[in-house]
């Protein structure tokens, strides 16, 4: 599997979303935190919530909303 982004222009928006979600789950300064010092659960919350929100956005777009 390639780590190449399907839409490179979306990188900034995804990074912003990641920071917002990290703040929502209580991880301040996520962009400057050493991710290796966070628990797997903390990192998983950020990725999981990102996926959930992206799926919701895609479903809304597909439904024409």
N, C-alpha and C. Protein backbone atom coordinates (compact mmCIF):
# COMPACT_ATOMS: atom_id res chain seq x y z
N UNK A 1 0.85 -1.18 0.00
CA UNK A 1 0.00 0.00 0.00
C UNK A 1 0.89 1.24 0.00
N UNK A 2 0.52 2.20 -0.78
CA UNK A 2 1.29 3.43 -0.90
C UNK A 2 0.82 4.45 0.13
N UNK A 3 1.77 5.25 0.64
CA UNK A 3 1.40 6.31 1.58
C UNK A 3 1.18 7.62 0.84
N UNK A 4 1.17 7.56 -0.49
CA UNK A 4 0.95 8.75 -1.31
C UNK A 4 -0.50 9.19 -1.17
N UNK A 5 -0.70 10.48 -0.93
CA UNK A 5 -2.05 11.03 -0.75
C UNK A 5 -2.80 11.01 -2.08
N UNK A 6 -4.08 10.64 -2.01
CA UNK A 6 -4.92 10.65 -3.21
C UNK A 6 -5.19 12.07 -3.66
N UNK A 7 -5.34 12.98 -2.70
CA UNK A 7 -5.57 14.39 -2.99
C UNK A 7 -4.56 15.20 -2.18
N UNK A 8 -3.37 15.45 -2.72
CA UNK A 8 -2.33 16.15 -1.97
C UNK A 8 -2.76 17.51 -1.42
N UNK A 9 -3.66 18.19 -2.10
CA UNK A 9 -4.11 19.51 -1.65
C UNK A 9 -4.91 19.43 -0.35
N UNK A 10 -5.36 18.25 0.03
CA UNK A 10 -6.16 18.08 1.24
C UNK A 10 -5.29 17.93 2.49
N UNK A 11 -3.98 17.88 2.33
CA UNK A 11 -3.09 17.64 3.46
C UNK A 11 -3.26 18.65 4.58
N UNK A 12 -3.32 19.93 4.25
CA UNK A 12 -3.47 20.98 5.27
C UNK A 12 -4.80 20.83 6.01
N UNK A 13 -5.86 20.54 5.28
CA UNK A 13 -7.18 20.38 5.91
C UNK A 13 -7.19 19.17 6.83
N UNK A 14 -6.55 18.08 6.42
CA UNK A 14 -6.48 16.89 7.27
C UNK A 14 -5.66 17.15 8.53
N UNK A 15 -4.57 17.88 8.39
CA UNK A 15 -3.76 18.22 9.56
C UNK A 15 -4.55 19.09 10.53
N UNK A 16 -5.30 20.05 9.99
CA UNK A 16 -6.12 20.91 10.84
C UNK A 16 -7.19 20.09 11.56
N UNK A 17 -7.81 19.17 10.84
CA UNK A 17 -8.83 18.31 11.44
C UNK A 17 -8.21 17.47 12.57
N UNK A 18 -7.01 16.97 12.34
CA UNK A 18 -6.32 16.16 13.33
C UNK A 18 -6.08 16.96 14.62
N UNK A 19 -5.65 18.21 14.47
CA UNK A 19 -5.41 19.07 15.64
C UNK A 19 -6.71 19.38 16.38
N UNK A 20 -7.78 19.65 15.65
CA UNK A 20 -9.06 19.94 16.27
C UNK A 20 -9.58 18.74 17.05
N UNK A 21 -9.46 17.56 16.46
CA UNK A 21 -9.94 16.35 17.12
C UNK A 21 -9.09 16.05 18.35
N UNK A 22 -7.78 16.24 18.24
CA UNK A 22 -6.91 16.01 19.40
C UNK A 22 -7.32 16.92 20.55
N UNK A 23 -7.64 18.16 20.25
CA UNK A 23 -8.10 19.09 21.30
C UNK A 23 -9.43 18.61 21.90
N UNK A 24 -10.33 18.10 21.04
CA UNK A 24 -11.62 17.61 21.52
C UNK A 24 -11.46 16.44 22.48
N UNK A 25 -10.48 15.58 22.24
CA UNK A 25 -10.29 14.41 23.11
C UNK A 25 -9.31 14.70 24.24
N UNK A 26 -8.90 15.98 24.37
CA UNK A 26 -8.10 16.38 25.51
C UNK A 26 -6.60 16.32 25.37
N UNK A 27 -6.10 16.29 24.14
CA UNK A 27 -4.66 16.27 23.92
C UNK A 27 -4.26 17.64 23.38
N UNK A 28 -3.72 18.47 24.26
CA UNK A 28 -3.33 19.83 23.87
C UNK A 28 -2.00 19.80 23.14
N UNK A 29 -1.79 20.75 22.25
CA UNK A 29 -0.53 20.89 21.50
C UNK A 29 -0.13 19.61 20.77
N UNK A 30 -1.09 18.96 20.16
CA UNK A 30 -0.85 17.67 19.49
C UNK A 30 0.21 17.77 18.40
N UNK A 31 0.29 18.93 17.76
CA UNK A 31 1.25 19.08 16.67
C UNK A 31 2.69 19.09 17.17
N UNK A 32 2.91 19.47 18.42
CA UNK A 32 4.28 19.51 18.95
C UNK A 32 4.58 18.39 19.94
N UNK A 33 3.61 17.53 20.21
CA UNK A 33 3.79 16.42 21.14
C UNK A 33 4.51 15.27 20.43
N UNK A 34 5.42 14.62 21.14
CA UNK A 34 6.05 13.40 20.61
C UNK A 34 5.01 12.28 20.68
N UNK A 35 4.51 11.85 19.53
CA UNK A 35 3.44 10.86 19.48
C UNK A 35 3.84 9.54 20.14
N UNK A 36 5.15 9.28 20.22
CA UNK A 36 5.64 8.07 20.88
C UNK A 36 5.43 8.10 22.37
N UNK A 37 5.23 9.29 22.94
CA UNK A 37 4.97 9.42 24.37
C UNK A 37 3.49 9.32 24.71
N UNK A 38 2.64 9.29 23.70
CA UNK A 38 1.21 9.12 23.93
C UNK A 38 0.88 7.64 23.96
N UNK A 39 -0.20 7.30 24.63
CA UNK A 39 -0.62 5.90 24.66
C UNK A 39 -1.24 5.53 23.31
N UNK A 40 -1.29 4.24 23.06
CA UNK A 40 -1.94 3.76 21.83
C UNK A 40 -3.40 4.18 21.81
N UNK A 41 -4.02 4.19 22.97
CA UNK A 41 -5.43 4.60 23.06
C UNK A 41 -5.60 6.06 22.65
N UNK A 42 -4.70 6.93 23.13
CA UNK A 42 -4.80 8.36 22.79
C UNK A 42 -4.61 8.56 21.29
N UNK A 43 -3.58 7.95 20.71
CA UNK A 43 -3.36 8.07 19.27
C UNK A 43 -4.52 7.45 18.49
N UNK A 44 -5.05 6.35 19.00
CA UNK A 44 -6.17 5.68 18.34
C UNK A 44 -7.43 6.52 18.33
N UNK A 45 -7.67 7.25 19.43
CA UNK A 45 -8.84 8.13 19.47
C UNK A 45 -8.77 9.17 18.36
N UNK A 46 -7.61 9.76 18.18
CA UNK A 46 -7.47 10.81 17.16
C UNK A 46 -7.75 10.21 15.78
N UNK A 47 -7.09 9.12 15.46
CA UNK A 47 -7.30 8.48 14.15
C UNK A 47 -8.72 7.97 13.97
N UNK A 48 -9.28 7.41 15.02
CA UNK A 48 -10.64 6.87 14.95
C UNK A 48 -11.68 7.95 14.73
N UNK A 49 -11.55 9.04 15.48
CA UNK A 49 -12.50 10.15 15.30
C UNK A 49 -12.33 10.81 13.94
N UNK A 50 -11.10 10.88 13.44
CA UNK A 50 -10.89 11.44 12.10
C UNK A 50 -11.62 10.59 11.07
N UNK A 51 -11.46 9.28 11.17
CA UNK A 51 -12.11 8.37 10.23
C UNK A 51 -13.62 8.51 10.32
N UNK A 52 -14.14 8.56 11.54
CA UNK A 52 -15.59 8.69 11.73
C UNK A 52 -16.12 9.97 11.07
N UNK A 53 -15.43 11.09 11.30
CA UNK A 53 -15.88 12.36 10.72
C UNK A 53 -15.76 12.36 9.20
N UNK A 54 -14.69 11.78 8.67
CA UNK A 54 -14.53 11.72 7.22
C UNK A 54 -15.61 10.86 6.58
N UNK A 55 -15.97 9.76 7.22
CA UNK A 55 -17.05 8.91 6.70
C UNK A 55 -18.37 9.67 6.74
N UNK A 56 -18.63 10.37 7.84
CA UNK A 56 -19.86 11.16 7.93
C UNK A 56 -19.93 12.21 6.83
N UNK A 57 -18.80 12.88 6.58
CA UNK A 57 -18.76 13.90 5.53
C UNK A 57 -19.03 13.27 4.16
N UNK A 58 -18.46 12.12 3.90
CA UNK A 58 -18.66 11.44 2.62
C UNK A 58 -20.11 11.00 2.47
N UNK A 59 -20.69 10.48 3.54
CA UNK A 59 -22.09 10.06 3.48
C UNK A 59 -23.01 11.23 3.19
N UNK A 60 -22.75 12.38 3.84
CA UNK A 60 -23.57 13.56 3.59
C UNK A 60 -23.43 14.03 2.15
N UNK A 61 -22.19 13.98 1.64
CA UNK A 61 -21.96 14.42 0.27
C UNK A 61 -22.67 13.47 -0.70
N UNK A 62 -22.62 12.18 -0.43
CA UNK A 62 -23.27 11.21 -1.31
C UNK A 62 -24.80 11.34 -1.26
N UNK A 63 -25.31 11.78 -0.10
CA UNK A 63 -26.75 11.97 0.03
C UNK A 63 -27.19 13.30 -0.55
N UNK A 64 -26.25 14.10 -1.00
CA UNK A 64 -26.57 15.37 -1.62
C UNK A 64 -26.85 16.49 -0.65
N UNK A 65 -26.31 16.38 0.57
CA UNK A 65 -26.56 17.43 1.57
C UNK A 65 -25.40 18.37 1.65
